[in-house]
Amino acid sequence: MNKADLVNEVANVVSNKTEAQAAVDCVFESIVRTLKNGDVVALVGFGTFKVVKRKARTGRNPQTGAEIKISASNAPKFVPGKAFKDVVN
């Protein structure tokens, strides 16, 4: 499923596709904005979105084998909730 498919699924519940597109965009933008501010998005029964800090480390160039330095960075992470895991399994 891609974003357009998700919009179509939401459009089946709301009155039209334009409102569905706005709703999906609003949810995604809210999650991104909250993570950018360093906060956590916890959706009970679904999962938690959070930002994890990656330490600086040494890596290797796969073509040459030369060592390269990889700088520290932040990365988004999703941890599925128990109810979500149970449904999938």
C-alpha atoms as a PDB file:
ATOM      1  CA  MET A   1       0.000   0.000   0.000  1.00  0.00           C
ATOM      2  CA  ASN A   2       1.294   3.437  -0.887  1.00  0.00           C
ATOM      3  CA  LYS A   3       0.079   6.907   0.097  1.00  0.00           C
ATOM      4  CA  ALA A   4      -2.472   7.083  -2.735  1.00  0.00           C
ATOM      5  CA  ASP A   5      -3.941   3.742  -1.666  1.00  0.00           C
ATOM      6  CA  LEU A   6      -4.175   5.004   1.905  1.00  0.00           C
ATOM      7  CA  VAL A   7      -5.964   8.152   0.730  1.00  0.00           C
ATOM      8  CA  ASN A   8      -8.444   5.976  -1.189  1.00  0.00           C
ATOM      9  CA  GLU A   9      -9.114   3.880   1.932  1.00  0.00           C
ATOM     10  CA  VAL A  10      -9.754   7.020   4.004  1.00  0.00           C
ATOM     11  CA  ALA A  11     -11.965   8.414   1.208  1.00  0.00           C
ATOM     12  CA  ASN A  12     -14.250   5.396   1.681  1.00  0.00           C
ATOM     13  CA  VAL A  13     -14.941   6.624   5.231  1.00  0.00           C
ATOM     14  CA  VAL A  14     -15.057  10.419   4.775  1.00  0.00           C
ATOM     15  CA  SER A  15     -17.203  12.289   2.289  1.00  0.00           C
ATOM     16  CA  ASN A  16     -14.670  12.762  -0.531  1.00  0.00           C
ATOM     17  CA  LYS A  17     -11.124  12.204  -1.739  1.00  0.00           C
ATOM     18  CA  THR A  18     -10.052  15.827  -1.161  1.00  0.00           C
ATOM     19  CA  GLU A  19     -10.875  15.615   2.535  1.00  0.00           C
ATOM     20  CA  ALA A  20      -9.163  12.230   2.737  1.00  0.00           C
ATOM     21  CA  GLN A  21      -5.983  13.667   1.168  1.00  0.00           C
ATOM     22  CA  ALA A  22      -6.029  16.559   3.651  1.00  0.00           C
ATOM     23  CA  ALA A  23      -6.520  14.182   6.590  1.00  0.00           C
ATOM     24  CA  VAL A  24      -3.673  11.877   5.578  1.00  0.00           C
ATOM     25  CA  ASP A  25      -1.335  14.825   4.927  1.00  0.00           C
ATOM     26  CA  CYS A  26      -2.235  16.342   8.303  1.00  0.00           C
ATOM     27  CA  VAL A  27      -1.443  13.108  10.151  1.00  0.00           C
ATOM     28  CA  PHE A  28       1.920  12.688   8.416  1.00  0.00           C
ATOM     29  CA  GLU A  29       2.889  16.340   8.894  1.00  0.00           C
ATOM     30  CA  SER A  30       1.945  16.184  12.579  1.00  0.00           C
ATOM     31  CA  ILE A  31       4.110  13.108  13.142  1.00  0.00           C
ATOM     32  CA  VAL A  32       7.081  14.661  11.323  1.00  0.00           C
ATOM     33  CA  ARG A  33       6.730  17.990  13.148  1.00  0.00           C
ATOM     34  CA  THR A  34       6.507  16.280  16.542  1.00  0.00           C
ATOM     35  CA  LEU A  35       9.590  14.148  15.870  1.00  0.00           C
ATOM     36  CA  LYS A  36      11.482  17.187  14.596  1.00  0.00           C
ATOM     37  CA  ASN A  37      10.803  18.889  17.947  1.00  0.00           C
ATOM     38  CA  GLY A  38      12.293  15.875  19.734  1.00  0.00           C
ATOM     39  CA  ASP A  39       9.013  14.560  21.124  1.00  0.00           C
ATOM     40  CA  VAL A  40       7.509  11.066  20.875  1.00  0.00           C
ATOM     41  CA  VAL A  41       4.288  10.102  19.068  1.00  0.00           C
ATOM     42  CA  ALA A  42       2.592   7.221  20.906  1.00  0.00           C
ATOM     43  CA  LEU A  43      -0.492   5.709  19.274  1.00  0.00           C
ATOM     44  CA  VAL A  44      -1.946   3.218  21.749  1.00  0.00           C
ATOM     45  CA  GLY A  45      -2.573  -0.142  20.118  1.00  0.00           C
ATOM     46  CA  PHE A  46      -0.560   0.798  17.019  1.00  0.00           C
ATOM     47  CA  GLY A  47       2.951   1.840  18.021  1.00  0.00           C
ATOM     48  CA  THR A  48       5.388   4.597  18.893  1.00  0.00           C
ATOM     49  CA  PHE A  49       7.361   6.914  16.648  1.00  0.00           C
ATOM     50  CA  LYS A  50      10.515   8.377  18.188  1.00  0.00           C
ATOM     51  CA  VAL A  51      13.918   9.780  17.290  1.00  0.00           C
ATOM     52  CA  VAL A  52      17.048   7.807  18.150  1.00  0.00           C
ATOM     53  CA  LYS A  53      20.548   9.243  18.217  1.00  0.00           C
ATOM     54  CA  ARG A  54      23.189   7.384  16.246  1.00  0.00           C
ATOM     55  CA  LYS A  55      26.763   7.690  17.475  1.00  0.00           C
ATOM     56  CA  ALA A  56      29.627   8.596  15.184  1.00  0.00           C
ATOM     57  CA  ARG A  57      31.369   5.485  13.922  1.00  0.00           C
ATOM     58  CA  THR A  58      33.893   4.165  11.449  1.00  0.00           C
ATOM     59  CA  GLY A  59      32.626   2.393   8.362  1.00  0.00           C
ATOM     60  CA  ARG A  60      34.107   0.954   5.194  1.00  0.00           C
ATOM     61  CA  ASN A  61      33.664   1.911   1.575  1.00  0.00           C
ATOM     62  CA  PRO A  62      32.358  -1.336   0.024  1.00  0.00           C
ATOM     63  CA  GLN A  63      34.116  -0.693  -3.295  1.00  0.00           C
ATOM     64  CA  THR A  64      37.583   0.167  -2.009  1.00  0.00           C
ATOM     65  CA  GLY A  65      37.585  -1.175   1.528  1.00  0.00           C
ATOM     66  CA  ALA A  66      38.887   2.178   2.771  1.00  0.00           C
ATOM     67  CA  GLU A  67      37.775   3.305   6.218  1.00  0.00           C
ATOM     68  CA  ILE A  68      35.446   6.291   6.351  1.00  0.00           C
ATOM     69  CA  LYS A  69      34.097   8.279   9.264  1.00  0.00           C
ATOM     70  CA  ILE A  70      30.323   8.318   9.609  1.00  0.00           C
ATOM     71  CA  SER A  71      29.151  11.310  11.623  1.00  0.00           C
ATOM     72  CA  ALA A  72      26.576  11.194  14.401  1.00  0.00           C
ATOM     73  CA  SER A  73      22.971  11.638  13.293  1.00  0.00           C
ATOM     74  CA  ASN A  74      19.358  11.377  14.366  1.00  0.00           C
ATOM     75  CA  ALA A  75      17.059   8.776  12.817  1.00  0.00           C
ATOM     76  CA  PRO A  76      13.307   8.184  13.089  1.00  0.00           C
ATOM     77  CA  LYS A  77      12.275   4.849  14.595  1.00  0.00           C
ATOM     78  CA  PHE A  78       8.956   3.046  14.793  1.00  0.00           C
ATOM     79  CA  VAL A  79       8.280   0.508  17.533  1.00  0.00           C
ATOM     80  CA  PRO A  80       5.070  -1.472  16.941  1.00  0.00           C
ATOM     81  CA  GLY A  81       2.658  -1.873  19.851  1.00  0.00           C
ATOM     82  CA  LYS A  82       1.681  -5.247  21.279  1.00  0.00           C
ATOM     83  CA  ALA A  83      -1.803  -5.209  19.729  1.00  0.00           C
ATOM     84  CA  PHE A  84      -0.325  -4.448  16.292  1.00  0.00           C
ATOM     85  CA  LYS A  85       2.237  -7.252  16.636  1.00  0.00           C
ATOM     86  CA  ASP A  86      -0.481  -9.672  17.724  1.00  0.00           C
ATOM     87  CA  VAL A  87      -2.603  -8.897  14.640  1.00  0.00           C
ATOM     88  CA  VAL A  88       0.335  -9.379  12.282  1.00  0.00           C
ATOM     89  CA  ASN A  89       1.404 -12.660  13.872  1.00  0.00           C
END
